[in-house]
Amino acid sequence: METKQPVSDEMKLAKTQKISNQPDGPGKRIGKRGELTMIGNVLPGGAELFRQRLPKFQSEAGYYEENVGTVQDFRILLFDNDTRFLLSLVYDGDFVPYLNDIATHAGEWLDYMAIGILEGYTSMKDPKIGEWVKSLLIPADFFYVGTPNSTVRDVKRMEKLSKAVSDLFDAAN
């Protein structure tokens, strides 16, 4: 049986990521990636409406998030007996451009998910929606990113390149 060699603190700290605050809004940043976490209230009856709309919202996620083009991952959950929600995501870039991108490229989709469900939500077309978002944001205490300098576009490009190389090798066999 092989025994693991001890790892020094110096070796562990060599992997430390530089974490900072977003330059233009709330949330943490590592490399090209920012985090956004919101906690708010669900309107009475909102949980049932959310679950009715969820299949359509989930099935359209790829279309709308591809249009935005900067979302690494996105999750929403209801908790406290469906009275509160948590929305959390990791995205590329700065906060304000991201907020503008989602309003422009996914506003209709987010409105479908949120109107009548999330307390205080009006519409992505509302000029005050950014203030509503900011009022519910809670910067993460801990944030780690596996590939902090790869954007969604970089990852998609690498996937295409990897497929092309695999196809080339397959054709050579």
Protein backbone atom coordinates (compact mmCIF):
# COMPACT_ATOMS: atom_id res chain seq x y z
CA MET A 1 0.00 0.00 0.00
CA GLU A 2 1.35 3.38 -1.01
CA THR A 3 1.46 6.12 1.63
CA LYS A 4 0.87 9.76 0.78
CA GLN A 5 3.68 12.17 1.39
CA PRO A 6 2.77 15.11 3.61
CA VAL A 7 2.12 18.38 1.82
CA SER A 8 3.75 21.47 3.23
CA ASP A 9 1.81 24.64 4.03
CA GLU A 10 3.96 26.41 1.45
CA MET A 11 2.76 23.99 -1.25
CA LYS A 12 -0.86 24.52 -0.20
CA LEU A 13 -0.53 28.29 -0.20
CA ALA A 14 1.01 28.26 -3.70
CA LYS A 15 -2.56 27.60 -4.95
CA THR A 16 -4.07 30.64 -3.21
CA GLN A 17 -6.40 32.66 -5.42
CA LYS A 18 -6.50 36.45 -5.29
CA ILE A 19 -10.00 37.38 -4.20
CA SER A 20 -11.30 40.94 -4.37
CA ASN A 21 -14.58 42.82 -4.33
CA GLN A 22 -16.36 43.56 -7.58
CA PRO A 23 -15.15 46.99 -8.75
CA ASP A 24 -18.64 48.27 -9.63
CA GLY A 25 -21.05 46.54 -7.29
CA PRO A 26 -21.53 43.98 -4.56
CA GLY A 27 -20.02 40.52 -4.64
CA LYS A 28 -16.62 38.89 -4.78
CA ARG A 29 -14.34 38.49 -7.77
CA ILE A 30 -11.59 36.01 -8.64
CA GLY A 31 -9.89 36.51 -11.98
CA LYS A 32 -12.56 37.09 -14.62
CA ARG A 33 -15.38 35.63 -12.52
CA GLY A 34 -17.78 37.31 -10.15
CA GLU A 35 -20.35 35.87 -7.77
CA LEU A 36 -23.84 37.05 -7.00
CA THR A 37 -26.05 35.72 -4.23
CA MET A 38 -29.50 37.09 -3.43
CA ILE A 39 -31.89 36.15 -0.65
CA GLY A 40 -35.42 37.50 -0.59
CA ASN A 41 -39.05 36.73 0.11
CA VAL A 42 -41.49 34.70 -1.97
CA LEU A 43 -44.96 36.18 -2.38
CA PRO A 44 -47.94 34.22 -0.98
CA GLY A 45 -48.81 31.64 -3.64
CA GLY A 46 -45.50 32.34 -5.37
CA ALA A 47 -44.00 28.92 -4.68
CA GLU A 48 -46.85 27.16 -6.48
CA LEU A 49 -46.57 29.57 -9.42
CA PHE A 50 -42.77 29.06 -9.49
CA ARG A 51 -43.18 25.29 -9.68
CA GLN A 52 -45.80 25.62 -12.44
CA ARG A 53 -43.45 27.83 -14.48
CA LEU A 54 -40.27 25.89 -13.67
CA PRO A 55 -40.38 23.36 -16.56
CA LYS A 56 -40.59 26.13 -19.18
CA PHE A 57 -38.02 28.27 -17.35
CA GLN A 58 -35.61 25.32 -17.09
CA SER A 59 -36.08 24.27 -20.73
CA GLU A 60 -35.40 27.81 -22.00
CA ALA A 61 -32.34 28.39 -19.77
CA GLY A 62 -29.82 27.32 -22.42
CA TYR A 63 -31.27 29.70 -25.01
CA TYR A 64 -31.39 32.77 -22.78
CA GLU A 65 -28.13 32.16 -20.92
CA GLU A 66 -26.33 31.61 -24.23
CA ASN A 67 -27.69 34.98 -25.36
CA VAL A 68 -26.28 36.58 -22.21
CA GLY A 69 -23.07 34.65 -22.80
CA THR A 70 -21.38 35.23 -19.44
CA VAL A 71 -23.14 32.95 -16.95
CA GLN A 72 -20.97 30.12 -15.60
CA ASP A 73 -23.67 28.62 -13.38
CA PHE A 74 -27.02 29.70 -11.99
CA ARG A 75 -29.28 28.24 -9.30
CA ILE A 76 -32.49 29.20 -7.51
CA LEU A 77 -33.99 27.46 -4.53
CA LEU A 78 -36.96 28.06 -2.27
CA PHE A 79 -36.54 27.50 1.46
CA ASP A 80 -38.12 28.24 4.85
CA ASN A 81 -41.31 26.44 3.85
CA ASP A 82 -41.33 28.18 0.45
CA THR A 83 -41.40 31.67 1.98
CA ARG A 84 -37.88 32.73 0.87
CA PHE A 85 -35.66 32.27 -2.16
CA LEU A 86 -31.95 32.05 -2.76
CA LEU A 87 -30.57 32.95 -6.18
CA SER A 88 -26.89 32.34 -6.73
CA LEU A 89 -24.70 32.53 -9.79
CA VAL A 90 -21.17 32.88 -11.08
CA TYR A 91 -20.63 35.09 -14.12
CA ASP A 92 -17.86 36.61 -16.20
CA GLY A 93 -16.90 40.26 -15.82
CA ASP A 94 -18.14 43.17 -13.81
CA PHE A 95 -21.50 43.56 -12.05
CA VAL A 96 -23.05 46.50 -13.95
CA PRO A 97 -22.37 45.14 -17.48
CA TYR A 98 -23.68 41.75 -16.36
CA LEU A 99 -26.89 43.32 -15.03
CA ASN A 100 -27.31 45.22 -18.31
CA ASP A 101 -26.70 42.04 -20.33
CA ILE A 102 -29.33 40.04 -18.46
CA ALA A 103 -31.85 42.86 -18.78
CA THR A 104 -31.18 43.12 -22.53
CA HIS A 105 -30.81 39.45 -23.45
CA ALA A 106 -32.83 37.54 -20.84
CA GLY A 107 -35.26 40.06 -19.34
CA GLU A 108 -38.38 38.41 -20.77
CA TRP A 109 -37.27 35.02 -19.42
CA LEU A 110 -36.44 36.38 -15.94
CA ASP A 111 -39.72 38.29 -15.81
CA TYR A 112 -41.58 35.03 -16.55
CA MET A 113 -39.82 33.39 -13.62
CA ALA A 114 -40.08 36.27 -11.13
CA ILE A 115 -43.23 38.36 -11.67
CA GLY A 116 -45.85 37.30 -9.12
CA ILE A 117 -43.30 35.11 -7.33
CA LEU A 118 -40.52 37.26 -5.85
CA GLU A 119 -41.50 40.02 -3.44
CA GLY A 120 -40.55 43.46 -4.78
CA TYR A 121 -39.71 42.26 -8.30
CA THR A 122 -41.28 44.41 -11.00
CA SER A 123 -39.64 43.80 -14.38
CA MET A 124 -36.18 43.79 -15.94
CA LYS A 125 -37.45 46.82 -17.92
CA ASP A 126 -37.94 48.79 -14.68
CA PRO A 127 -35.11 51.33 -14.33
CA LYS A 128 -35.09 50.65 -10.57
CA ILE A 129 -34.61 46.86 -10.90
CA GLY A 130 -30.86 47.25 -10.29
CA GLU A 131 -31.59 48.80 -6.91
CA TRP A 132 -33.91 45.90 -6.06
CA VAL A 133 -31.18 43.42 -7.00
CA LYS A 134 -28.56 45.30 -4.97
CA SER A 135 -30.89 45.46 -1.94
CA LEU A 136 -31.00 41.64 -1.79
CA LEU A 137 -27.37 40.88 -2.57
CA ILE A 138 -25.21 39.23 0.05
CA PRO A 139 -21.53 38.94 -0.87
CA ALA A 140 -20.15 35.46 -0.25
CA ASP A 141 -17.88 34.92 2.71
CA PHE A 142 -16.10 32.14 0.81
CA PHE A 143 -15.68 31.98 -2.97
CA TYR A 144 -13.51 29.63 -5.02
CA VAL A 145 -13.33 29.18 -8.78
CA GLY A 146 -11.70 26.18 -10.47
CA THR A 147 -10.71 28.13 -13.59
CA PRO A 148 -10.80 31.82 -12.66
CA ASN A 149 -9.40 33.16 -15.92
CA SER A 150 -11.55 31.18 -18.37
CA THR A 151 -14.73 32.89 -19.51
CA VAL A 152 -17.79 31.07 -20.83
CA ARG A 153 -16.65 31.97 -24.35
CA ASP A 154 -13.16 30.58 -23.62
CA VAL A 155 -14.63 27.31 -22.35
CA LYS A 156 -16.91 26.94 -25.38
CA ARG A 157 -13.96 27.63 -27.69
CA MET A 158 -11.87 25.00 -25.87
CA GLU A 159 -14.71 22.48 -26.16
CA LYS A 160 -14.90 23.06 -29.93
CA LEU A 161 -11.14 22.75 -30.25
CA SER A 162 -11.11 19.56 -28.17
CA LYS A 163 -13.87 18.05 -30.32
CA ALA A 164 -12.04 19.01 -33.51
CA VAL A 165 -8.80 17.41 -32.27
CA SER A 166 -10.68 14.26 -31.16
CA ASP A 167 -12.42 14.07 -34.54
CA LEU A 168 -9.05 14.46 -36.28
CA PHE A 169 -7.51 11.66 -34.22
CA ASP A 170 -10.58 9.46 -34.76
CA ALA A 171 -10.30 10.01 -38.53
CA ALA A 172 -6.59 9.09 -38.44
CA ASN A 173 -7.33 5.71 -36.78
